Amino acid sequence: MASFGSIIQSETPVLIDFHAEWCGPCKTVAPILKSLKEEMGDSVKLIKIDVDKNTEIASKYQIRGVPTLMIFKKGKLMWRQSGVTPLEGLRAEVKKHI
């Protein structure tokens, strides 16, 4: 399995969903992300990270609330948002970095 550090170095935008099993709003975000991935295909990479199982990464990126979405490109954080982001907003954000 590729390391987090190598994954975010991608030329393709990497959308990361920091979530938790117990999080209600995270369950709202899941179908939004699925729709986005179906729509955008290989032009975006989608990674889901459970903050309870990956405490080191969550701590490194100071994840205080879930869901928190981030877009990385070539190792650089391009965008970050906590809470539920509607599909339209997410699509627009990802397209900025393609």
N, C-alpha and C. Protein backbone atom coordinates (compact mmCIF):
# COMPACT_ATOMS: atom_id res chain seq x y z
N MET A 1 0.84 -1.19 0.00
CA MET A 1 0.00 0.00 0.00
C MET A 1 0.88 1.25 0.00
N ALA A 2 0.52 2.23 -0.81
CA ALA A 2 1.29 3.48 -0.90
C ALA A 2 1.13 4.29 0.38
N SER A 3 2.16 5.03 0.72
CA SER A 3 2.08 5.85 1.93
C SER A 3 1.30 7.11 1.64
N PHE A 4 0.75 7.71 2.68
CA PHE A 4 0.00 8.95 2.56
C PHE A 4 0.84 10.02 1.86
N GLY A 5 2.09 10.14 2.28
CA GLY A 5 2.99 11.13 1.70
C GLY A 5 3.19 10.96 0.22
N SER A 6 3.28 9.72 -0.25
CA SER A 6 3.49 9.49 -1.69
C SER A 6 2.19 9.71 -2.47
N ILE A 7 1.07 9.39 -1.86
CA ILE A 7 -0.23 9.57 -2.53
C ILE A 7 -0.50 11.05 -2.81
N ILE A 8 -0.23 11.92 -1.83
CA ILE A 8 -0.55 13.34 -2.02
C ILE A 8 0.44 14.06 -2.93
N GLN A 9 1.51 13.37 -3.36
CA GLN A 9 2.46 13.96 -4.31
C GLN A 9 1.93 13.93 -5.75
N SER A 10 0.80 13.31 -5.95
CA SER A 10 0.23 13.11 -7.27
C SER A 10 0.01 14.41 -8.04
N GLU A 11 0.17 14.31 -9.38
CA GLU A 11 -0.16 15.42 -10.29
C GLU A 11 -1.68 15.59 -10.34
N THR A 12 -2.38 14.49 -10.15
CA THR A 12 -3.84 14.50 -10.13
C THR A 12 -4.29 15.00 -8.75
N PRO A 13 -5.29 15.89 -8.69
CA PRO A 13 -5.77 16.33 -7.37
C PRO A 13 -6.23 15.14 -6.53
N VAL A 14 -5.86 15.15 -5.25
CA VAL A 14 -6.24 14.09 -4.32
C VAL A 14 -7.20 14.69 -3.30
N LEU A 15 -8.44 14.21 -3.33
CA LEU A 15 -9.46 14.67 -2.38
C LEU A 15 -9.48 13.70 -1.22
N ILE A 16 -9.22 14.22 -0.04
CA ILE A 16 -9.17 13.37 1.15
C ILE A 16 -10.35 13.67 2.06
N ASP A 17 -11.02 12.61 2.45
CA ASP A 17 -12.17 12.71 3.35
C ASP A 17 -11.76 12.14 4.70
N PHE A 18 -11.52 13.04 5.66
CA PHE A 18 -11.26 12.60 7.04
C PHE A 18 -12.62 12.40 7.69
N HIS A 19 -12.89 11.18 8.13
CA HIS A 19 -14.22 10.85 8.65
C HIS A 19 -14.10 9.92 9.85
N ALA A 20 -15.26 9.59 10.43
CA ALA A 20 -15.32 8.62 11.54
C ALA A 20 -16.62 7.83 11.42
N GLU A 21 -16.58 6.60 11.89
CA GLU A 21 -17.76 5.71 11.84
C GLU A 21 -18.96 6.32 12.56
N TRP A 22 -18.72 6.97 13.69
CA TRP A 22 -19.79 7.47 14.55
C TRP A 22 -20.35 8.83 14.10
N CYS A 23 -19.79 9.39 13.04
CA CYS A 23 -20.11 10.75 12.62
C CYS A 23 -21.31 10.80 11.67
N GLY A 24 -22.39 11.43 12.10
CA GLY A 24 -23.60 11.56 11.28
C GLY A 24 -23.36 12.33 9.99
N PRO A 25 -22.80 13.55 10.08
CA PRO A 25 -22.56 14.32 8.85
C PRO A 25 -21.65 13.59 7.86
N CYS A 26 -20.76 12.73 8.35
CA CYS A 26 -19.87 11.96 7.46
C CYS A 26 -20.70 11.05 6.56
N LYS A 27 -21.80 10.53 7.10
CA LYS A 27 -22.68 9.66 6.31
C LYS A 27 -23.39 10.47 5.23
N THR A 28 -23.57 11.76 5.44
CA THR A 28 -24.17 12.65 4.44
C THR A 28 -23.17 12.93 3.32
N VAL A 29 -21.89 13.04 3.68
CA VAL A 29 -20.84 13.35 2.71
C VAL A 29 -20.55 12.17 1.79
N ALA A 30 -20.65 10.95 2.31
CA ALA A 30 -20.29 9.74 1.54
C ALA A 30 -20.95 9.68 0.15
N PRO A 31 -22.29 9.82 0.03
CA PRO A 31 -22.89 9.76 -1.31
C PRO A 31 -22.49 10.94 -2.21
N ILE A 32 -22.21 12.09 -1.61
CA ILE A 32 -21.75 13.26 -2.37
C ILE A 32 -20.40 12.93 -3.01
N LEU A 33 -19.50 12.34 -2.22
CA LEU A 33 -18.18 11.98 -2.74
C LEU A 33 -18.29 10.90 -3.81
N LYS A 34 -19.19 9.95 -3.60
CA LYS A 34 -19.39 8.87 -4.58
C LYS A 34 -19.86 9.46 -5.91
N SER A 35 -20.81 10.39 -5.86
CA SER A 35 -21.31 11.06 -7.07
C SER A 35 -20.20 11.83 -7.77
N LEU A 36 -19.39 12.53 -6.98
CA LEU A 36 -18.30 13.32 -7.54
C LEU A 36 -17.30 12.41 -8.26
N LYS A 37 -16.95 11.30 -7.64
CA LYS A 37 -15.99 10.36 -8.22
C LYS A 37 -16.55 9.76 -9.51
N GLU A 38 -17.84 9.39 -9.50
CA GLU A 38 -18.47 8.82 -10.70
C GLU A 38 -18.45 9.85 -11.84
N GLU A 39 -18.70 11.09 -11.49
CA GLU A 39 -18.77 12.17 -12.47
C GLU A 39 -17.39 12.54 -13.02
N MET A 40 -16.38 12.60 -12.13
CA MET A 40 -15.07 13.11 -12.53
C MET A 40 -14.06 12.01 -12.87
N GLY A 41 -14.37 10.78 -12.52
CA GLY A 41 -13.52 9.65 -12.89
C GLY A 41 -12.08 9.80 -12.43
N ASP A 42 -11.15 9.58 -13.37
CA ASP A 42 -9.72 9.58 -13.04
C ASP A 42 -9.11 10.97 -12.92
N SER A 43 -9.92 12.01 -13.10
CA SER A 43 -9.37 13.37 -12.98
C SER A 43 -9.20 13.78 -11.51
N VAL A 44 -9.68 12.93 -10.60
CA VAL A 44 -9.49 13.17 -9.16
C VAL A 44 -9.29 11.83 -8.46
N LYS A 45 -8.39 11.82 -7.46
CA LYS A 45 -8.23 10.64 -6.62
C LYS A 45 -9.01 10.92 -5.34
N LEU A 46 -9.70 9.91 -4.85
CA LEU A 46 -10.49 10.07 -3.63
C LEU A 46 -9.98 9.09 -2.58
N ILE A 47 -9.67 9.62 -1.42
CA ILE A 47 -9.17 8.80 -0.33
C ILE A 47 -9.98 9.08 0.92
N LYS A 48 -10.41 8.02 1.58
CA LYS A 48 -11.14 8.17 2.84
C LYS A 48 -10.22 7.74 3.98
N ILE A 49 -10.12 8.59 5.00
CA ILE A 49 -9.27 8.28 6.15
C ILE A 49 -10.11 8.35 7.42
N ASP A 50 -10.20 7.22 8.09
CA ASP A 50 -10.91 7.13 9.37
C ASP A 50 -9.99 7.71 10.45
N VAL A 51 -10.41 8.81 11.06
CA VAL A 51 -9.55 9.49 12.03
C VAL A 51 -9.29 8.65 13.28
N ASP A 52 -10.19 7.74 13.60
CA ASP A 52 -9.99 6.89 14.78
C ASP A 52 -8.97 5.79 14.52
N LYS A 53 -8.81 5.40 13.26
CA LYS A 53 -7.85 4.34 12.91
C LYS A 53 -6.52 4.92 12.43
N ASN A 54 -6.50 6.20 12.12
CA ASN A 54 -5.30 6.86 11.59
C ASN A 54 -5.01 8.13 12.39
N THR A 55 -4.83 7.96 13.69
CA THR A 55 -4.67 9.11 14.58
C THR A 55 -3.44 9.94 14.28
N GLU A 56 -2.38 9.30 13.78
CA GLU A 56 -1.15 10.02 13.49
C GLU A 56 -1.35 11.05 12.37
N ILE A 57 -2.00 10.62 11.28
CA ILE A 57 -2.27 11.54 10.16
C ILE A 57 -3.27 12.61 10.59
N ALA A 58 -4.31 12.20 11.31
CA ALA A 58 -5.32 13.17 11.78
C ALA A 58 -4.67 14.23 12.66
N SER A 59 -3.75 13.81 13.49
CA SER A 59 -3.05 14.74 14.38
C SER A 59 -2.12 15.65 13.58
N LYS A 60 -1.40 15.10 12.62
CA LYS A 60 -0.47 15.87 11.80
C LYS A 60 -1.19 17.01 11.07
N TYR A 61 -2.41 16.72 10.59
CA TYR A 61 -3.17 17.74 9.85
C TYR A 61 -4.19 18.47 10.72
N GLN A 62 -4.05 18.29 12.03
CA GLN A 62 -4.88 18.99 13.02
C GLN A 62 -6.37 18.89 12.72
N ILE A 63 -6.82 17.66 12.50
CA ILE A 63 -8.23 17.41 12.26
C ILE A 63 -8.96 17.49 13.59
N ARG A 64 -9.76 18.52 13.76
CA ARG A 64 -10.48 18.73 15.01
C ARG A 64 -11.95 18.32 14.91
N GLY A 65 -12.46 18.31 13.69
CA GLY A 65 -13.86 17.93 13.48
C GLY A 65 -13.97 17.12 12.21
N VAL A 66 -14.95 16.25 12.17
CA VAL A 66 -15.19 15.45 10.98
C VAL A 66 -16.63 15.72 10.51
N PRO A 67 -16.89 15.68 9.24
CA PRO A 67 -15.93 15.44 8.17
C PRO A 67 -15.07 16.68 7.89
N THR A 68 -13.82 16.43 7.54
CA THR A 68 -12.93 17.47 7.02
C THR A 68 -12.43 16.98 5.68
N LEU A 69 -12.61 17.82 4.66
CA LEU A 69 -12.16 17.47 3.32
C LEU A 69 -10.96 18.32 2.97
N MET A 70 -10.00 17.72 2.26
CA MET A 70 -8.81 18.44 1.82
C MET A 70 -8.50 18.03 0.39
N ILE A 71 -7.94 18.97 -0.36
CA ILE A 71 -7.45 18.65 -1.70
C ILE A 71 -5.95 18.93 -1.71
N PHE A 72 -5.18 17.92 -2.10
CA PHE A 72 -3.74 18.05 -2.25
C PHE A 72 -3.39 17.89 -3.72
N LYS A 73 -2.35 18.58 -4.15
CA LYS A 73 -1.80 18.39 -5.48
C LYS A 73 -0.30 18.60 -5.39
N LYS A 74 0.47 17.64 -5.89
CA LYS A 74 1.93 17.67 -5.82
C LYS A 74 2.42 17.91 -4.39
N GLY A 75 1.74 17.31 -3.42
CA GLY A 75 2.15 17.39 -2.03
C GLY A 75 1.73 18.66 -1.31
N LYS A 76 1.06 19.55 -2.02
CA LYS A 76 0.68 20.83 -1.44
C LYS A 76 -0.81 20.87 -1.12
N LEU A 77 -1.15 21.35 0.06
CA LEU A 77 -2.56 21.50 0.44
C LEU A 77 -3.14 22.67 -0.33
N MET A 78 -4.14 22.39 -1.16
CA MET A 78 -4.74 23.42 -2.01
C MET A 78 -6.04 23.97 -1.43
N TRP A 79 -6.73 23.14 -0.62
CA TRP A 79 -8.05 23.52 -0.12
C TRP A 79 -8.39 22.66 1.09
N ARG A 80 -9.11 23.25 2.03
CA ARG A 80 -9.53 22.51 3.23
C ARG A 80 -10.87 23.05 3.69
N GLN A 81 -11.77 22.15 4.05
CA GLN A 81 -13.10 22.55 4.50
C GLN A 81 -13.62 21.53 5.50
N SER A 82 -14.16 22.01 6.61
CA SER A 82 -14.79 21.11 7.57
C SER A 82 -16.30 21.21 7.40
N GLY A 83 -16.98 20.10 7.69
CA GLY A 83 -18.43 20.07 7.56
C GLY A 83 -18.84 19.51 6.21
N VAL A 84 -20.15 19.50 5.99
CA VAL A 84 -20.70 18.94 4.76
C VAL A 84 -20.60 19.99 3.65
N THR A 85 -19.96 19.61 2.56
CA THR A 85 -19.83 20.49 1.39
C THR A 85 -20.72 19.94 0.29
N PRO A 86 -21.62 20.76 -0.27
CA PRO A 86 -22.50 20.27 -1.34
C PRO A 86 -21.72 19.86 -2.58
N LEU A 87 -22.29 18.98 -3.37
CA LEU A 87 -21.65 18.46 -4.58
C LEU A 87 -21.18 19.58 -5.49
N GLU A 88 -22.01 20.59 -5.71
CA GLU A 88 -21.65 21.69 -6.62
C GLU A 88 -20.38 22.39 -6.16
N GLY A 89 -20.29 22.67 -4.87
CA GLY A 89 -19.13 23.35 -4.32
C GLY A 89 -17.88 22.50 -4.42
N LEU A 90 -18.03 21.23 -4.15
CA LEU A 90 -16.91 20.29 -4.21
C LEU A 90 -16.41 20.15 -5.65
N ARG A 91 -17.35 20.02 -6.57
CA ARG A 91 -17.01 19.90 -8.00
C ARG A 91 -16.21 21.13 -8.44
N ALA A 92 -16.68 22.32 -8.10
CA ALA A 92 -16.02 23.56 -8.48
C ALA A 92 -14.60 23.63 -7.89
N GLU A 93 -14.45 23.21 -6.63
CA GLU A 93 -13.14 23.23 -5.97
C GLU A 93 -12.17 22.29 -6.66
N VAL A 94 -12.62 21.06 -6.96
CA VAL A 94 -11.75 20.08 -7.60
C VAL A 94 -11.34 20.56 -8.98
N LYS A 95 -12.29 21.12 -9.74
CA LYS A 95 -11.99 21.58 -11.10
C LYS A 95 -10.93 22.67 -11.12
N LYS A 96 -10.84 23.47 -10.06
CA LYS A 96 -9.83 24.52 -9.99
C LYS A 96 -8.42 23.94 -10.02
N HIS A 97 -8.28 22.69 -9.59
CA HIS A 97 -6.95 22.11 -9.40
C HIS A 97 -6.60 21.03 -10.42
N ILE A 98 -7.47 20.85 -11.40
CA ILE A 98 -7.20 19.83 -12.44
C ILE A 98 -6.28 20.44 -13.49
